[in-house]
């Protein structure tokens, strides 16, 4: 009998983290699952770790020439036997009740496109970076999802119906950034979504994280918005003006706590584009002023704001 849930793990040269990720799945209170690991061309000892587990039937292991994380995820879904798909990056962790609690939501509301949850961030050094409350994404959230940047969902938080994933077309394999947002956008145009209001995923932040370089990521978010606008001009010019302004301000704000001159130059470029569309935006002008503050002052201000926005983890984490 096919499992109800397939957990798809794309990985490439993450052997040092992968066993922890797998252990967090083996510890799930919901046990009707399979694990599909797609090795996107690892050159470390990933195969040595996983082949014995595959031989024991604890997971299914596929090795491919490197084609990128979106292609690996799409391939994993194609191989998946479950009715529902969960995604776990090989350096992140599920909390033990993650699948159980999300499946309970689906069992009550099978018409949902996907169910997500809150998540926390942490570093390799053991620093807790707080909980992200993503409750704003609930119900029918389109087109509001295109203007909401205060907090974003994380890929490992997603539990999606396989038929919905395939109907939406899966991940755009030409996108290297914001490919997750692009998928969510296409799903929520048609389906309502829901969440478990608990932190059920731990997202690791380290120097090799896909989301680590915020300067490079900006290009991906801009492409995401271009694609969204091209596919839905029905929202009208004023909506898209507001969406672009919000995006550019967010991209700039994300850089305020990073580095020095070069990063602030990029931030000002984003803000100039925002102010071109909305010359009287107080948020844009406030961020513009902040780009001229000394780096230490900026880090102190952003650090304080992040602590207020993202409270410390609960004792259960």
Protein backbone atom coordinates (compact mmCIF):
# COMPACT_ATOMS: atom_id res chain seq x y z
CA UNK A 1 0.00 0.00 0.00
CA UNK A 2 1.30 3.45 -0.92
CA UNK A 3 2.23 5.78 1.94
CA UNK A 4 0.08 8.83 2.56
CA UNK A 5 3.04 11.22 2.68
CA UNK A 6 6.26 11.35 0.69
CA UNK A 7 9.04 13.45 2.22
CA UNK A 8 11.26 14.74 -0.61
CA UNK A 9 14.81 15.73 0.32
CA UNK A 10 17.03 17.32 -2.33
CA UNK A 11 20.69 17.25 -1.33
CA UNK A 12 24.12 18.08 -2.66
CA UNK A 13 27.26 17.79 -0.54
CA UNK A 14 25.38 18.05 2.76
CA UNK A 15 26.55 14.79 4.35
CA UNK A 16 27.45 16.66 7.53
CA UNK A 17 23.84 17.70 8.05
CA UNK A 18 21.85 15.04 6.25
CA UNK A 19 21.74 12.44 9.02
CA UNK A 20 20.28 14.99 11.42
CA UNK A 21 17.58 15.83 8.88
CA UNK A 22 16.77 12.15 8.40
CA UNK A 23 16.68 11.53 12.14
CA UNK A 24 14.08 14.28 12.46
CA UNK A 25 11.88 12.34 10.01
CA UNK A 26 12.47 8.98 11.68
CA UNK A 27 11.30 10.62 14.93
CA UNK A 28 7.91 11.62 13.48
CA UNK A 29 4.82 10.61 15.43
CA UNK A 30 3.06 10.17 12.07
CA UNK A 31 4.55 7.05 10.52
CA UNK A 32 2.70 6.53 7.23
CA UNK A 33 5.41 8.13 5.11
CA UNK A 34 8.25 7.37 2.75
CA UNK A 35 11.49 9.31 2.29
CA UNK A 36 12.69 10.17 -1.21
CA UNK A 37 16.25 11.54 -1.30
CA UNK A 38 17.40 13.08 -4.57
CA UNK A 39 21.17 13.47 -4.69
CA UNK A 40 21.92 16.34 -7.05
CA UNK A 41 25.46 15.26 -7.91
CA UNK A 42 27.14 15.08 -4.49
CA UNK A 43 30.92 14.62 -4.45
CA UNK A 44 31.21 14.02 -0.69
CA UNK A 45 30.34 10.81 1.18
CA UNK A 46 26.57 11.18 0.84
CA UNK A 47 26.27 7.93 -1.12
CA UNK A 48 28.19 5.99 1.53
CA UNK A 49 25.75 7.21 4.17
CA UNK A 50 22.55 6.62 2.24
CA UNK A 51 23.09 3.43 0.28
CA UNK A 52 22.90 1.19 3.39
CA UNK A 53 19.66 2.92 4.45
CA UNK A 54 18.24 2.45 0.97
CA UNK A 55 19.20 -1.23 1.04
CA UNK A 56 17.34 -1.58 4.36
CA UNK A 57 14.25 0.06 2.87
CA UNK A 58 14.38 3.06 5.20
CA UNK A 59 14.43 5.47 2.27
CA UNK A 60 14.55 5.65 -1.51
CA UNK A 61 17.75 7.12 -2.92
CA UNK A 62 18.21 8.58 -6.40
CA UNK A 63 21.46 10.00 -7.79
CA UNK A 64 21.41 12.43 -10.71
CA UNK A 65 23.72 14.73 -12.56
CA UNK A 66 23.54 18.19 -10.92
CA UNK A 67 20.62 20.18 -12.29
CA UNK A 68 19.71 22.40 -9.35
CA UNK A 69 17.42 22.15 -6.36
CA UNK A 70 14.19 22.87 -8.27
CA UNK A 71 14.86 20.06 -10.73
CA UNK A 72 15.75 17.75 -7.83
CA UNK A 73 12.50 18.53 -6.04
CA UNK A 74 10.45 18.06 -9.20
CA UNK A 75 12.12 14.71 -9.83
CA UNK A 76 11.49 13.68 -6.23
CA UNK A 77 7.77 14.43 -6.59
CA UNK A 78 7.66 12.41 -9.81
CA UNK A 79 9.07 9.43 -7.91
CA UNK A 80 6.87 9.97 -4.85
CA UNK A 81 4.14 7.44 -4.13
CA UNK A 82 2.30 9.49 -1.49
CA UNK A 83 -0.86 11.52 -1.89
CA UNK A 84 0.80 14.37 0.00
CA UNK A 85 4.29 15.81 -0.41
CA UNK A 86 6.49 17.31 2.29
CA UNK A 87 9.80 18.97 1.46
CA UNK A 88 12.79 18.99 3.78
CA UNK A 89 16.08 20.64 2.86
CA UNK A 90 18.96 18.44 3.95
CA UNK A 91 20.27 20.98 6.48
CA UNK A 92 16.92 21.64 8.20
CA UNK A 93 14.86 19.71 10.76
CA UNK A 94 11.26 18.66 11.40
CA UNK A 95 9.85 18.71 14.90
CA UNK A 96 8.38 15.30 15.92
CA UNK A 97 4.68 16.17 15.44
CA UNK A 98 5.10 18.08 12.19
CA UNK A 99 3.49 15.59 9.83
CA UNK A 100 0.86 14.42 12.33
CA UNK A 101 -0.46 17.90 13.02
CA UNK A 102 -0.49 18.97 9.39
CA UNK A 103 -2.23 15.80 8.23
CA UNK A 104 -4.90 16.39 10.87
CA UNK A 105 -5.63 19.74 9.22
CA UNK A 106 -5.84 18.12 5.80
CA UNK A 107 -8.13 15.38 7.11
CA UNK A 108 -10.56 18.05 8.29
CA UNK A 109 -10.21 20.20 5.13
CA UNK A 110 -9.23 18.04 2.14
CA UNK A 111 -9.98 20.87 -0.30
CA UNK A 112 -6.91 22.82 0.87
CA UNK A 113 -4.03 23.29 -1.55
CA UNK A 114 -1.37 23.06 1.12
CA UNK A 115 -0.83 23.33 4.86
CA UNK A 116 2.17 25.11 6.36
CA UNK A 117 3.36 25.99 9.88
CA UNK A 118 5.46 28.42 11.84
CA UNK A 119 9.20 27.84 11.95
CA UNK A 120 12.29 28.89 13.87
CA UNK A 121 15.80 29.70 12.70
CA UNK A 122 19.05 28.70 14.35
CA UNK A 123 22.78 28.75 13.61
CA UNK A 124 25.43 26.03 13.72
CA UNK A 125 26.82 27.77 16.79
CA UNK A 126 23.57 27.09 18.63
CA UNK A 127 22.18 30.63 18.50
CA UNK A 128 18.39 30.74 18.37
CA UNK A 129 17.12 33.36 15.92
CA UNK A 130 13.48 33.30 16.92
CA UNK A 131 10.14 32.00 15.65
CA UNK A 132 8.55 33.14 12.41
CA UNK A 133 4.78 33.45 12.77
CA UNK A 134 3.33 32.97 9.27
CA UNK A 135 -0.33 33.12 10.31
CA UNK A 136 -1.01 35.89 7.78
CA UNK A 137 -1.00 33.19 5.10
CA UNK A 138 -4.34 31.49 5.74
CA UNK A 139 -7.45 30.99 3.62
CA UNK A 140 -7.62 32.59 0.20
CA UNK A 141 -4.49 34.76 0.19
CA UNK A 142 -4.26 35.78 -3.46
CA UNK A 143 -3.39 38.45 -4.52
CA UNK A 144 -2.40 39.68 -1.04
CA UNK A 145 0.47 37.19 -1.02
CA UNK A 146 2.20 39.35 -3.64
CA UNK A 147 2.44 42.30 -1.26
CA UNK A 148 3.23 40.49 2.00
CA UNK A 149 6.93 40.57 2.86
CA UNK A 150 7.00 41.05 6.63
CA UNK A 151 7.51 37.30 7.03
CA UNK A 152 7.61 34.54 4.44
CA UNK A 153 6.80 30.85 4.60
CA UNK A 154 9.72 28.41 4.50
CA UNK A 155 9.93 25.49 2.10
CA UNK A 156 10.25 22.77 4.79
CA UNK A 157 7.01 24.02 6.35
CA UNK A 158 4.99 22.99 3.31
CA UNK A 159 2.77 19.90 3.10
CA UNK A 160 1.04 19.95 -0.28
CA UNK A 161 -1.32 17.66 -2.14
CA UNK A 162 0.57 15.96 -4.93
CA UNK A 163 -2.22 16.56 -7.43
CA UNK A 164 -2.17 20.28 -6.63
CA UNK A 165 1.61 20.40 -7.04
CA UNK A 166 1.40 18.75 -10.45
CA UNK A 167 -1.55 20.91 -11.53
CA UNK A 168 0.43 24.05 -10.66
CA UNK A 169 3.35 22.85 -12.78
CA UNK A 170 5.86 22.23 -10.02
CA UNK A 171 8.95 24.36 -9.52
CA UNK A 172 10.22 26.57 -12.32
CA UNK A 173 13.60 24.94 -12.91
CA UNK A 174 14.99 28.07 -14.55
CA UNK A 175 14.68 29.98 -11.26
CA UNK A 176 17.50 29.79 -8.72
CA UNK A 177 15.89 32.16 -6.19
CA UNK A 178 12.26 32.63 -5.11
CA UNK A 179 11.22 29.42 -6.86
CA UNK A 180 9.26 28.52 -3.72
CA UNK A 181 7.31 31.79 -3.73
CA UNK A 182 6.60 31.27 -7.41
CA UNK A 183 5.03 27.87 -6.71
CA UNK A 184 2.98 29.17 -3.78
CA UNK A 185 1.71 32.04 -5.91
CA UNK A 186 0.42 29.66 -8.56
CA UNK A 187 -1.23 27.36 -6.01
CA UNK A 188 -3.03 30.05 -4.01
CA UNK A 189 -4.58 31.62 -7.10
CA UNK A 190 -6.97 28.65 -7.04
CA UNK A 191 -6.81 27.00 -3.61
CA UNK A 192 -7.22 28.08 0.02
CA UNK A 193 -4.40 27.20 2.41
CA UNK A 194 -4.15 26.69 6.15
CA UNK A 195 -1.49 26.27 8.80
CA UNK A 196 -0.60 24.83 12.16
CA UNK A 197 0.12 27.75 14.47
CA UNK A 198 3.17 26.14 16.03
CA UNK A 199 6.85 26.14 15.20
CA UNK A 200 7.20 22.66 13.71
CA UNK A 201 10.31 23.23 11.57
CA UNK A 202 13.83 24.40 12.38
CA UNK A 203 15.66 26.18 9.57
CA UNK A 204 19.44 26.23 9.81
CA UNK A 205 21.31 29.41 8.87
CA UNK A 206 24.91 28.94 7.77
CA UNK A 207 27.34 30.29 5.19
CA UNK A 208 26.30 27.73 2.56
CA UNK A 209 22.55 28.23 2.97
CA UNK A 210 20.67 28.91 -0.26
CA UNK A 211 19.18 32.05 1.29
CA UNK A 212 22.44 33.29 2.82
CA UNK A 213 23.46 35.85 0.16
CA UNK A 214 20.68 38.41 0.24
CA UNK A 215 22.34 40.61 -2.41
CA UNK A 216 22.29 37.85 -5.03
CA UNK A 217 18.79 36.78 -4.00
CA UNK A 218 17.38 40.18 -4.97
CA UNK A 219 17.55 39.31 -8.66
CA UNK A 220 15.42 36.23 -8.06
CA UNK A 221 12.72 38.15 -6.20
CA UNK A 222 12.56 40.74 -8.98
CA UNK A 223 12.17 38.00 -11.57
CA UNK A 224 9.46 36.42 -9.43
CA UNK A 225 7.48 39.67 -9.44
CA UNK A 226 7.96 40.19 -13.18
CA UNK A 227 6.63 36.70 -13.80
CA UNK A 228 3.67 37.23 -11.49
CA UNK A 229 2.71 40.49 -13.21
CA UNK A 230 2.99 38.99 -16.68
CA UNK A 231 0.68 36.14 -15.69
CA UNK A 232 -1.98 38.30 -14.03
CA UNK A 233 -2.40 41.76 -15.51
CA UNK A 234 -6.02 41.71 -14.30
CA UNK A 235 -4.95 43.11 -10.92
CA UNK A 236 -4.52 46.53 -12.49
CA UNK A 237 -1.74 49.10 -12.58
CA UNK A 238 -2.26 50.48 -9.07
CA UNK A 239 -2.01 47.06 -7.48
CA UNK A 240 1.20 46.25 -9.32
CA UNK A 241 2.65 49.65 -8.46
CA UNK A 242 2.06 48.93 -4.77
CA UNK A 243 3.41 45.40 -5.12
CA UNK A 244 6.64 46.61 -6.70
CA UNK A 245 7.11 49.37 -4.13
CA UNK A 246 6.66 46.91 -1.27
CA UNK A 247 9.09 44.46 -2.85
CA UNK A 248 11.85 47.03 -3.41
CA UNK A 249 11.54 48.41 0.13
CA UNK A 250 11.71 44.89 1.55
CA UNK A 251 14.81 44.04 -0.51
CA UNK A 252 16.51 47.16 0.79
CA UNK A 253 15.53 46.55 4.40
CA UNK A 254 16.89 43.00 4.23
CA UNK A 255 20.30 44.45 3.41
CA UNK A 256 20.43 47.03 6.19
CA UNK A 257 21.95 44.65 8.68
CA UNK A 258 24.48 43.30 6.16
CA UNK A 259 28.01 44.53 5.43
CA UNK A 260 28.97 48.01 4.40
CA UNK A 261 29.23 50.25 1.37
CA UNK A 262 28.57 47.81 -1.50
CA UNK A 263 25.46 46.38 0.16
CA UNK A 264 24.14 49.85 0.96
CA UNK A 265 24.66 50.89 -2.64
CA UNK A 266 22.45 47.99 -3.73
CA UNK A 267 19.89 48.92 -1.07
CA UNK A 268 19.76 52.50 -2.39
CA UNK A 269 19.21 51.20 -5.90
CA UNK A 270 16.18 49.26 -4.68
CA UNK A 271 14.88 52.28 -2.80
CA UNK A 272 15.34 54.56 -5.80
CA UNK A 273 13.11 52.23 -7.80
CA UNK A 274 10.54 52.26 -4.98
CA UNK A 275 10.58 56.05 -4.76
CA UNK A 276 10.24 56.38 -8.52
CA UNK A 277 6.91 54.58 -8.20
CA UNK A 278 5.88 56.13 -4.88
CA UNK A 279 7.79 59.39 -4.18
CA UNK A 280 6.08 60.02 -0.83
CA UNK A 281 6.60 56.60 0.72
CA UNK A 282 7.70 57.18 4.32
CA UNK A 283 8.99 53.60 4.61
CA UNK A 284 11.21 54.07 1.59
CA UNK A 285 12.61 57.38 2.83
CA UNK A 286 13.23 55.97 6.32
CA UNK A 287 15.14 53.05 4.82
CA UNK A 288 17.08 55.47 2.59
CA UNK A 289 18.22 57.42 5.63
CA UNK A 290 19.17 54.20 7.40
CA UNK A 291 21.53 53.22 4.55
CA UNK A 292 23.77 56.16 5.49
CA UNK A 293 24.12 55.17 9.14
CA UNK A 294 27.37 53.54 10.34
CA UNK A 295 27.35 49.75 9.93
CA UNK A 296 27.46 49.16 13.68
CA UNK A 297 24.43 51.36 14.27
CA UNK A 298 22.52 49.64 11.49
CA UNK A 299 23.27 46.18 12.88
CA UNK A 300 22.22 47.28 16.36
CA UNK A 301 18.93 48.72 15.10
CA UNK A 302 18.12 45.74 12.87
CA UNK A 303 19.09 43.29 15.60
CA UNK A 304 16.69 44.97 18.02
CA UNK A 305 13.87 45.00 15.48
CA UNK A 306 14.39 41.32 14.67
CA UNK A 307 14.25 40.35 18.33
CA UNK A 308 10.95 42.20 18.66
CA UNK A 309 9.51 40.71 15.48
CA UNK A 310 10.77 37.15 16.03
CA UNK A 311 10.34 36.09 19.67
CA UNK A 312 12.58 33.49 21.26
CA UNK A 313 11.69 29.84 20.83
CA UNK A 314 9.33 28.22 23.28
CA UNK A 315 10.65 25.66 25.70
CA UNK A 316 9.43 22.83 23.44
CA UNK A 317 12.03 23.75 20.88
